[in-house]
């Protein structure tokens, strides 16, 4: 089931190869491993995308694409997984990262409401919290999706065995 789902929603390699806007990157994206829809390409791609989504930089798609090319995992899945951090979720994610980072570093809450001071003083706790949250959620996604993928294959084999 997961493989069929990812295969259905993933762009076809032929379409990617013929896309005019990707011609400058053909040397980087010609690897078939970047478009594979098996478990060993998709699960690490989701993990990479979730981890990158929690890095406090505004270049998430570029980092996810570069990481997918270096690690040779599914490129479209890594790019889609980055979008858990979107305009609707960015404020709760960053506030949670700040609270977690302040707790981990043992820092008291800020005494000012000036946003410029908060950005400067809150950068280190927020980055610490976001990297911890990203690591933890990426690990949970890796083991959870891997277990779900294996379970769905096991259920398919059991159904096939019952049918015969």
N, C-alpha and C. Protein backbone atom coordinates (compact mmCIF):
# COMPACT_ATOMS: atom_id res chain seq x y z
N UNK A 1 0.80 -1.21 0.00
CA UNK A 1 0.00 0.00 0.00
C UNK A 1 0.84 1.27 0.00
N UNK A 2 1.82 1.44 0.92
CA UNK A 2 2.58 2.69 0.87
C UNK A 2 3.33 2.87 -0.44
N UNK A 3 3.88 1.78 -0.97
CA UNK A 3 4.64 1.91 -2.22
C UNK A 3 3.72 2.32 -3.36
N UNK A 4 2.54 1.72 -3.42
CA UNK A 4 1.59 2.08 -4.47
C UNK A 4 1.17 3.54 -4.34
N UNK A 5 0.96 3.97 -3.11
CA UNK A 5 0.57 5.36 -2.87
C UNK A 5 1.66 6.32 -3.34
N UNK A 6 2.91 6.07 -2.92
CA UNK A 6 4.00 6.95 -3.31
C UNK A 6 4.28 6.88 -4.80
N UNK A 7 4.10 5.71 -5.39
CA UNK A 7 4.31 5.58 -6.83
C UNK A 7 3.24 6.37 -7.60
N UNK A 8 2.02 6.36 -7.07
CA UNK A 8 0.92 7.06 -7.74
C UNK A 8 1.10 8.58 -7.67
N UNK A 9 1.56 9.10 -6.52
CA UNK A 9 1.65 10.56 -6.39
C UNK A 9 2.99 11.13 -6.85
N UNK A 10 3.99 10.27 -7.05
CA UNK A 10 5.30 10.77 -7.47
C UNK A 10 5.29 11.10 -8.96
N UNK A 11 6.06 12.12 -9.33
CA UNK A 11 6.15 12.43 -10.76
C UNK A 11 6.93 11.33 -11.48
N UNK A 12 6.61 11.11 -12.72
CA UNK A 12 7.29 10.09 -13.52
C UNK A 12 8.66 10.61 -13.93
N UNK A 13 9.63 9.71 -13.93
CA UNK A 13 11.00 10.09 -14.27
C UNK A 13 11.08 10.67 -15.67
N UNK A 14 10.30 10.12 -16.60
CA UNK A 14 10.29 10.62 -17.97
C UNK A 14 9.83 12.08 -18.02
N UNK A 15 8.79 12.40 -17.24
CA UNK A 15 8.29 13.77 -17.20
C UNK A 15 9.32 14.72 -16.61
N UNK A 16 10.03 14.26 -15.58
CA UNK A 16 11.07 15.08 -14.97
C UNK A 16 12.20 15.33 -15.95
N UNK A 17 12.57 14.29 -16.68
CA UNK A 17 13.67 14.40 -17.63
C UNK A 17 13.34 15.38 -18.76
N UNK A 18 12.07 15.46 -19.13
CA UNK A 18 11.66 16.33 -20.23
C UNK A 18 11.28 17.74 -19.78
N UNK A 19 11.21 18.00 -18.49
CA UNK A 19 10.80 19.32 -18.00
C UNK A 19 11.87 20.36 -18.34
N UNK A 20 11.47 21.42 -18.99
CA UNK A 20 12.42 22.44 -19.43
C UNK A 20 13.09 23.15 -18.26
N UNK A 21 12.34 23.35 -17.15
CA UNK A 21 12.87 24.10 -16.02
C UNK A 21 13.87 23.29 -15.19
N UNK A 22 13.97 21.99 -15.43
CA UNK A 22 14.93 21.17 -14.69
C UNK A 22 16.16 20.80 -15.52
N UNK A 23 16.23 21.27 -16.75
CA UNK A 23 17.37 20.95 -17.61
C UNK A 23 18.72 21.37 -17.01
N UNK A 24 18.83 22.51 -16.34
CA UNK A 24 20.13 22.85 -15.75
C UNK A 24 20.58 21.88 -14.65
N UNK A 25 19.65 21.14 -14.08
CA UNK A 25 19.97 20.24 -12.98
C UNK A 25 20.01 18.77 -13.41
N UNK A 26 19.99 18.49 -14.70
CA UNK A 26 19.95 17.11 -15.17
C UNK A 26 21.13 16.28 -14.66
N UNK A 27 22.29 16.89 -14.53
CA UNK A 27 23.45 16.14 -14.05
C UNK A 27 23.26 15.69 -12.60
N UNK A 28 22.51 16.45 -11.83
CA UNK A 28 22.29 16.10 -10.43
C UNK A 28 21.13 15.13 -10.22
N UNK A 29 20.09 15.24 -11.03
CA UNK A 29 18.87 14.48 -10.76
C UNK A 29 18.68 13.29 -11.71
N UNK A 30 19.71 12.88 -12.40
CA UNK A 30 19.56 11.74 -13.32
C UNK A 30 19.56 10.40 -12.60
N UNK A 31 19.97 10.37 -11.35
CA UNK A 31 20.08 9.13 -10.58
C UNK A 31 18.69 8.52 -10.34
N UNK A 32 18.45 7.29 -10.79
CA UNK A 32 17.13 6.67 -10.56
C UNK A 32 16.80 6.47 -9.09
N UNK A 33 17.80 6.42 -8.23
CA UNK A 33 17.54 6.26 -6.79
C UNK A 33 16.77 7.45 -6.23
N UNK A 34 16.87 8.61 -6.85
CA UNK A 34 16.15 9.79 -6.39
C UNK A 34 14.66 9.71 -6.67
N UNK A 35 14.27 8.77 -7.50
CA UNK A 35 12.86 8.64 -7.89
C UNK A 35 12.27 7.29 -7.48
N UNK A 36 13.05 6.48 -6.79
CA UNK A 36 12.59 5.15 -6.38
C UNK A 36 11.50 5.25 -5.33
N UNK A 37 10.55 4.32 -5.37
CA UNK A 37 9.43 4.36 -4.43
C UNK A 37 9.43 3.16 -3.48
N UNK A 38 10.57 2.58 -3.26
CA UNK A 38 10.62 1.48 -2.29
C UNK A 38 10.93 2.01 -0.89
N UNK A 39 10.76 1.14 0.09
CA UNK A 39 10.86 1.54 1.49
C UNK A 39 12.19 2.18 1.83
N UNK A 40 13.28 1.66 1.29
CA UNK A 40 14.61 2.15 1.64
C UNK A 40 14.93 3.50 1.01
N UNK A 41 14.08 3.98 0.13
CA UNK A 41 14.25 5.32 -0.43
C UNK A 41 13.25 6.31 0.13
N UNK A 42 12.05 5.84 0.45
CA UNK A 42 10.98 6.74 0.89
C UNK A 42 11.09 7.06 2.38
N UNK A 43 11.31 6.05 3.21
CA UNK A 43 11.35 6.28 4.66
C UNK A 43 12.47 7.24 5.05
N UNK A 44 13.70 7.07 4.54
CA UNK A 44 14.72 8.08 4.88
C UNK A 44 14.42 9.46 4.29
N UNK A 45 13.72 9.50 3.17
CA UNK A 45 13.36 10.80 2.58
C UNK A 45 12.39 11.55 3.48
N UNK A 46 11.40 10.84 4.03
CA UNK A 46 10.46 11.48 4.96
C UNK A 46 11.22 11.96 6.20
N UNK A 47 12.11 11.12 6.70
CA UNK A 47 12.91 11.49 7.87
C UNK A 47 13.74 12.73 7.60
N UNK A 48 14.40 12.76 6.46
CA UNK A 48 15.20 13.93 6.09
C UNK A 48 14.34 15.18 5.98
N UNK A 49 13.21 15.07 5.33
CA UNK A 49 12.33 16.23 5.16
C UNK A 49 11.82 16.77 6.49
N UNK A 50 11.45 15.88 7.40
CA UNK A 50 10.97 16.33 8.71
C UNK A 50 12.08 16.99 9.50
N UNK A 51 13.28 16.42 9.47
CA UNK A 51 14.38 17.03 10.20
C UNK A 51 14.70 18.42 9.63
N UNK A 52 14.76 18.53 8.32
CA UNK A 52 15.08 19.81 7.69
C UNK A 52 14.00 20.85 7.97
N UNK A 53 12.76 20.42 8.09
CA UNK A 53 11.66 21.36 8.35
C UNK A 53 11.84 22.08 9.69
N UNK A 54 12.59 21.50 10.61
CA UNK A 54 12.78 22.11 11.92
C UNK A 54 14.08 22.89 12.04
N UNK A 55 14.83 23.01 10.97
CA UNK A 55 16.04 23.84 10.98
C UNK A 55 15.60 25.29 10.82
N UNK A 56 16.03 26.17 11.73
CA UNK A 56 15.53 27.55 11.68
C UNK A 56 16.20 28.41 10.61
N UNK A 57 16.09 28.00 9.37
CA UNK A 57 16.58 28.75 8.22
C UNK A 57 15.48 28.80 7.16
N UNK A 58 15.45 29.82 6.33
CA UNK A 58 14.37 29.92 5.34
C UNK A 58 14.66 29.20 4.02
N UNK A 59 15.53 28.21 4.02
CA UNK A 59 15.91 27.52 2.78
C UNK A 59 15.62 26.03 2.87
N UNK A 60 14.49 25.67 3.45
CA UNK A 60 14.17 24.26 3.66
C UNK A 60 14.17 23.42 2.38
N UNK A 61 13.50 23.85 1.30
CA UNK A 61 13.51 23.01 0.09
C UNK A 61 14.91 22.79 -0.48
N UNK A 62 15.75 23.81 -0.42
CA UNK A 62 17.11 23.64 -0.94
C UNK A 62 17.91 22.65 -0.09
N UNK A 63 17.77 22.74 1.23
CA UNK A 63 18.46 21.80 2.10
C UNK A 63 17.94 20.38 1.91
N UNK A 64 16.63 20.23 1.76
CA UNK A 64 16.05 18.90 1.57
C UNK A 64 16.48 18.31 0.23
N UNK A 65 16.49 19.12 -0.82
CA UNK A 65 16.91 18.63 -2.13
C UNK A 65 18.39 18.24 -2.11
N UNK A 66 19.21 19.08 -1.52
CA UNK A 66 20.64 18.74 -1.43
C UNK A 66 20.88 17.49 -0.61
N UNK A 67 20.18 17.36 0.51
CA UNK A 67 20.32 16.17 1.34
C UNK A 67 19.83 14.92 0.63
N UNK A 68 18.73 15.03 -0.11
CA UNK A 68 18.20 13.87 -0.84
C UNK A 68 19.17 13.43 -1.93
N UNK A 69 19.80 14.39 -2.60
CA UNK A 69 20.76 14.04 -3.64
C UNK A 69 22.00 13.40 -3.03
N UNK A 70 22.47 13.95 -1.91
CA UNK A 70 23.66 13.38 -1.26
C UNK A 70 23.39 11.99 -0.69
N UNK A 71 22.22 11.81 -0.08
CA UNK A 71 21.89 10.53 0.56
C UNK A 71 21.26 9.53 -0.42
N UNK A 72 20.92 10.00 -1.63
CA UNK A 72 20.31 9.17 -2.66
C UNK A 72 18.99 8.56 -2.19
N UNK A 73 18.11 9.44 -1.68
CA UNK A 73 16.77 9.03 -1.27
C UNK A 73 15.76 9.74 -2.15
N UNK A 74 14.50 9.40 -2.03
CA UNK A 74 13.46 9.93 -2.90
C UNK A 74 13.35 11.45 -2.78
N UNK A 75 13.67 12.13 -3.85
CA UNK A 75 13.71 13.59 -3.87
C UNK A 75 12.33 14.24 -3.70
N UNK A 76 11.30 13.83 -4.44
CA UNK A 76 9.99 14.49 -4.25
C UNK A 76 9.42 14.29 -2.86
N UNK A 77 9.62 13.12 -2.28
CA UNK A 77 9.08 12.87 -0.94
C UNK A 77 9.79 13.75 0.09
N UNK A 78 11.10 13.91 -0.05
CA UNK A 78 11.84 14.77 0.88
C UNK A 78 11.36 16.22 0.76
N UNK A 79 11.08 16.66 -0.46
CA UNK A 79 10.60 18.04 -0.65
C UNK A 79 9.19 18.23 -0.11
N UNK A 80 8.35 17.24 -0.23
CA UNK A 80 6.99 17.35 0.30
C UNK A 80 7.00 17.30 1.82
N UNK A 81 7.86 16.47 2.40
CA UNK A 81 7.90 16.33 3.86
C UNK A 81 8.34 17.63 4.54
N UNK A 82 9.07 18.46 3.84
CA UNK A 82 9.51 19.73 4.40
C UNK A 82 8.32 20.63 4.71
N UNK A 83 7.23 20.45 3.99
CA UNK A 83 6.10 21.36 4.11
C UNK A 83 5.23 21.12 5.33
N UNK A 84 5.69 20.29 6.30
CA UNK A 84 4.98 20.26 7.58
C UNK A 84 5.19 21.58 8.30
N UNK A 85 6.27 22.26 7.94
CA UNK A 85 6.53 23.60 8.45
C UNK A 85 6.04 24.58 7.39
N UNK A 86 4.81 25.03 7.54
CA UNK A 86 4.19 25.90 6.55
C UNK A 86 3.65 27.15 7.25
N UNK A 87 3.09 28.10 6.54
CA UNK A 87 2.62 29.32 7.19
C UNK A 87 1.60 29.10 8.32
N UNK A 88 0.86 28.02 8.29
CA UNK A 88 -0.10 27.75 9.36
C UNK A 88 0.55 27.15 10.60
N UNK A 89 1.65 26.43 10.41
CA UNK A 89 2.26 25.73 11.54
C UNK A 89 3.55 26.37 12.04
N UNK A 90 4.05 27.37 11.36
CA UNK A 90 5.36 27.91 11.73
C UNK A 90 5.35 28.56 13.11
N UNK A 91 4.31 29.29 13.46
CA UNK A 91 4.28 29.94 14.77
C UNK A 91 4.24 28.92 15.91
N UNK A 92 3.34 27.92 15.89
CA UNK A 92 3.37 26.94 16.98
C UNK A 92 4.67 26.15 17.05
N UNK A 93 5.24 25.84 15.89
CA UNK A 93 6.50 25.09 15.88
C UNK A 93 7.62 25.93 16.49
N UNK A 94 7.74 27.19 16.09
CA UNK A 94 8.83 28.01 16.61
C UNK A 94 8.64 28.37 18.08
N UNK A 95 7.40 28.60 18.49
CA UNK A 95 7.15 28.87 19.91
C UNK A 95 7.46 27.64 20.75
N UNK A 96 7.04 26.46 20.28
CA UNK A 96 7.36 25.22 20.99
C UNK A 96 8.87 25.01 21.05
N UNK A 97 9.55 25.31 19.96
CA UNK A 97 11.01 25.19 19.95
C UNK A 97 11.66 26.13 20.94
N UNK A 98 11.14 27.35 21.04
CA UNK A 98 11.69 28.31 22.00
C UNK A 98 11.46 27.84 23.44
N UNK A 99 10.25 27.37 23.72
CA UNK A 99 9.92 26.91 25.07
C UNK A 99 10.78 25.70 25.44
N UNK A 100 10.90 24.74 24.53
CA UNK A 100 11.72 23.55 24.79
C UNK A 100 13.18 23.93 24.96
N UNK A 101 13.68 24.79 24.09
CA UNK A 101 15.08 25.22 24.19
C UNK A 101 15.36 25.97 25.48
N UNK A 102 14.46 26.84 25.91
CA UNK A 102 14.62 27.55 27.18
C UNK A 102 14.64 26.57 28.34
N UNK A 103 13.76 25.58 28.28
CA UNK A 103 13.73 24.57 29.34
C UNK A 103 15.02 23.76 29.36
N UNK A 104 15.48 23.33 28.19
CA UNK A 104 16.70 22.52 28.13
C UNK A 104 17.94 23.29 28.57
N UNK A 105 17.98 24.58 28.24
CA UNK A 105 19.13 25.41 28.61
C UNK A 105 18.99 26.01 30.00
N UNK A 106 17.83 25.86 30.62
CA UNK A 106 17.60 26.39 31.97
C UNK A 106 17.52 27.91 32.01
N UNK A 107 16.98 28.50 30.97
CA UNK A 107 16.86 29.96 30.89
C UNK A 107 15.50 30.41 31.40
N UNK A 108 15.45 31.54 32.09
CA UNK A 108 14.15 32.07 32.54
C UNK A 108 13.41 32.69 31.37
N UNK A 109 12.10 32.90 31.51
CA UNK A 109 11.36 33.56 30.44
C UNK A 109 11.84 35.00 30.26
N UNK A 110 11.73 35.55 29.06
CA UNK A 110 12.20 36.91 28.83
C UNK A 110 11.41 37.93 29.63
N UNK A 111 12.08 39.02 30.01
CA UNK A 111 11.43 40.07 30.81
C UNK A 111 10.93 41.22 29.96
N UNK A 112 11.16 41.18 28.68
CA UNK A 112 10.76 42.26 27.79
C UNK A 112 9.78 41.76 26.75
N UNK A 113 9.04 42.67 26.16
CA UNK A 113 8.15 42.31 25.06
C UNK A 113 8.61 42.94 23.75
N UNK A 114 9.76 43.59 23.76
CA UNK A 114 10.31 44.17 22.54
C UNK A 114 10.74 43.04 21.62
N UNK A 115 10.14 42.95 20.44
CA UNK A 115 10.36 41.81 19.57
C UNK A 115 11.80 41.75 19.05
N UNK A 116 12.47 42.89 18.90
CA UNK A 116 13.85 42.87 18.43
C UNK A 116 14.77 42.25 19.48
N UNK A 117 14.54 42.58 20.73
CA UNK A 117 15.32 42.00 21.82
C UNK A 117 15.00 40.51 21.95
N UNK A 118 13.72 40.16 21.79
CA UNK A 118 13.32 38.76 21.88
C UNK A 118 13.97 37.90 20.80
N UNK A 119 14.08 38.46 19.60
CA UNK A 119 14.70 37.70 18.50
C UNK A 119 16.17 37.44 18.81
N UNK A 120 16.88 38.46 19.28
CA UNK A 120 18.30 38.29 19.57
C UNK A 120 18.51 37.36 20.77
N UNK A 121 17.75 37.57 21.84
CA UNK A 121 17.92 36.75 23.03
C UNK A 121 17.33 35.35 22.86
N UNK A 122 16.33 35.21 22.03
CA UNK A 122 15.65 33.92 21.89
C UNK A 122 16.17 33.04 20.78
N UNK A 123 17.15 33.51 20.03
CA UNK A 123 17.64 32.73 18.90
C UNK A 123 18.31 31.43 19.35
N UNK A 124 19.16 31.50 20.34
CA UNK A 124 19.87 30.30 20.80
C UNK A 124 18.91 29.28 21.40
N UNK A 125 18.01 29.66 22.32
CA UNK A 125 17.06 28.67 22.84
C UNK A 125 16.14 28.10 21.76
N UNK A 126 15.70 28.96 20.82
CA UNK A 126 14.81 28.48 19.78
C UNK A 126 15.53 27.48 18.87
N UNK A 127 16.76 27.80 18.48
CA UNK A 127 17.51 26.88 17.63
C UNK A 127 17.76 25.55 18.34
N UNK A 128 18.10 25.61 19.61
CA UNK A 128 18.32 24.39 20.38
C UNK A 128 17.05 23.54 20.45
N UNK A 129 15.94 24.19 20.77
CA UNK A 129 14.67 23.47 20.86
C UNK A 129 14.21 22.91 19.53
N UNK A 130 14.37 23.68 18.46
CA UNK A 130 13.95 23.20 17.15
C UNK A 130 14.79 22.01 16.68
N UNK A 131 16.09 22.06 16.92
CA UNK A 131 16.93 20.93 16.52
C UNK A 131 16.61 19.68 17.34
N UNK A 132 16.32 19.85 18.61
CA UNK A 132 15.91 18.70 19.43
C UNK A 132 14.57 18.14 18.96
N UNK A 133 13.61 19.04 18.72
CA UNK A 133 12.30 18.59 18.24
C UNK A 133 12.41 17.92 16.87
N UNK A 134 13.20 18.51 15.98
CA UNK A 134 13.38 17.93 14.65
C UNK A 134 14.01 16.56 14.70
N UNK A 135 15.02 16.40 15.56
CA UNK A 135 15.67 15.09 15.70
C UNK A 135 14.70 14.05 16.24
N UNK A 136 13.97 14.42 17.27
CA UNK A 136 13.03 13.48 17.89
C UNK A 136 11.89 13.11 16.92
N UNK A 137 11.30 14.10 16.27
CA UNK A 137 10.21 13.80 15.34
C UNK A 137 10.69 13.05 14.11
N UNK A 138 11.91 13.32 13.66
CA UNK A 138 12.46 12.57 12.53
C UNK A 138 12.68 11.10 12.91
N UNK A 139 13.18 10.86 14.11
CA UNK A 139 13.34 9.47 14.57
C UNK A 139 12.00 8.77 14.69
N UNK A 140 11.02 9.45 15.27
CA UNK A 140 9.69 8.87 15.39
C UNK A 140 9.08 8.58 14.02
N UNK A 141 9.27 9.49 13.08
CA UNK A 141 8.75 9.28 11.73
C UNK A 141 9.45 8.10 11.07
N UNK A 142 10.76 8.00 11.25
CA UNK A 142 11.50 6.90 10.64
C UNK A 142 10.99 5.55 11.14
N UNK A 143 10.95 5.39 12.45
CA UNK A 143 10.54 4.10 13.00
C UNK A 143 9.05 3.84 12.79
N UNK A 144 8.23 4.89 12.89
CA UNK A 144 6.79 4.72 12.68
C UNK A 144 6.45 4.35 11.25
N UNK A 145 7.01 5.08 10.28
CA UNK A 145 6.72 4.80 8.88
C UNK A 145 7.31 3.46 8.47
N UNK A 146 8.49 3.14 8.97
CA UNK A 146 9.11 1.85 8.66
C UNK A 146 8.23 0.71 9.18
N UNK A 147 7.75 0.83 10.42
CA UNK A 147 6.89 -0.20 10.99
C UNK A 147 5.57 -0.30 10.22
N UNK A 148 4.98 0.85 9.87
CA UNK A 148 3.74 0.83 9.10
C UNK A 148 3.96 0.18 7.74
N UNK A 149 5.04 0.47 7.08
CA UNK A 149 5.34 -0.08 5.76
C UNK A 149 5.47 -1.60 5.86
N UNK A 150 6.24 -2.07 6.84
CA UNK A 150 6.41 -3.52 7.02
C UNK A 150 5.09 -4.19 7.37
N UNK A 151 4.29 -3.56 8.23
CA UNK A 151 3.00 -4.12 8.60
C UNK A 151 2.09 -4.24 7.39
N UNK A 152 2.06 -3.22 6.53
CA UNK A 152 1.18 -3.26 5.36
C UNK A 152 1.62 -4.36 4.40
N UNK A 153 2.91 -4.59 4.27
CA UNK A 153 3.39 -5.68 3.41
C UNK A 153 2.99 -7.03 4.00
N UNK A 154 3.14 -7.16 5.31
CA UNK A 154 2.75 -8.40 5.99
C UNK A 154 1.26 -8.67 5.81
N UNK A 155 0.42 -7.65 5.94
CA UNK A 155 -1.02 -7.83 5.76
C UNK A 155 -1.35 -8.21 4.31
N UNK A 156 -0.65 -7.63 3.37
CA UNK A 156 -0.89 -7.98 1.96
C UNK A 156 -0.53 -9.44 1.70
N UNK A 157 0.60 -9.88 2.25
CA UNK A 157 0.99 -11.28 2.08
C UNK A 157 -0.01 -12.22 2.75
N UNK A 158 -0.53 -11.84 3.91
CA UNK A 158 -1.52 -12.67 4.59
C UNK A 158 -2.82 -12.75 3.79
N UNK A 159 -3.27 -11.63 3.24
CA UNK A 159 -4.47 -11.65 2.40
C UNK A 159 -4.26 -12.51 1.17
N UNK A 160 -3.10 -12.42 0.57
CA UNK A 160 -2.79 -13.22 -0.61
C UNK A 160 -2.78 -14.71 -0.26
N UNK A 161 -2.22 -15.05 0.90
CA UNK A 161 -2.16 -16.44 1.33
C UNK A 161 -3.57 -16.98 1.60
N UNK A 162 -4.43 -16.16 2.20
CA UNK A 162 -5.80 -16.60 2.46
C UNK A 162 -6.58 -16.79 1.15
N UNK A 163 -6.28 -15.99 0.17
CA UNK A 163 -7.00 -16.06 -1.10
C UNK A 163 -6.70 -17.34 -1.86
N UNK A 164 -5.54 -17.94 -1.63
CA UNK A 164 -5.21 -19.16 -2.38
C UNK A 164 -5.61 -20.41 -1.69
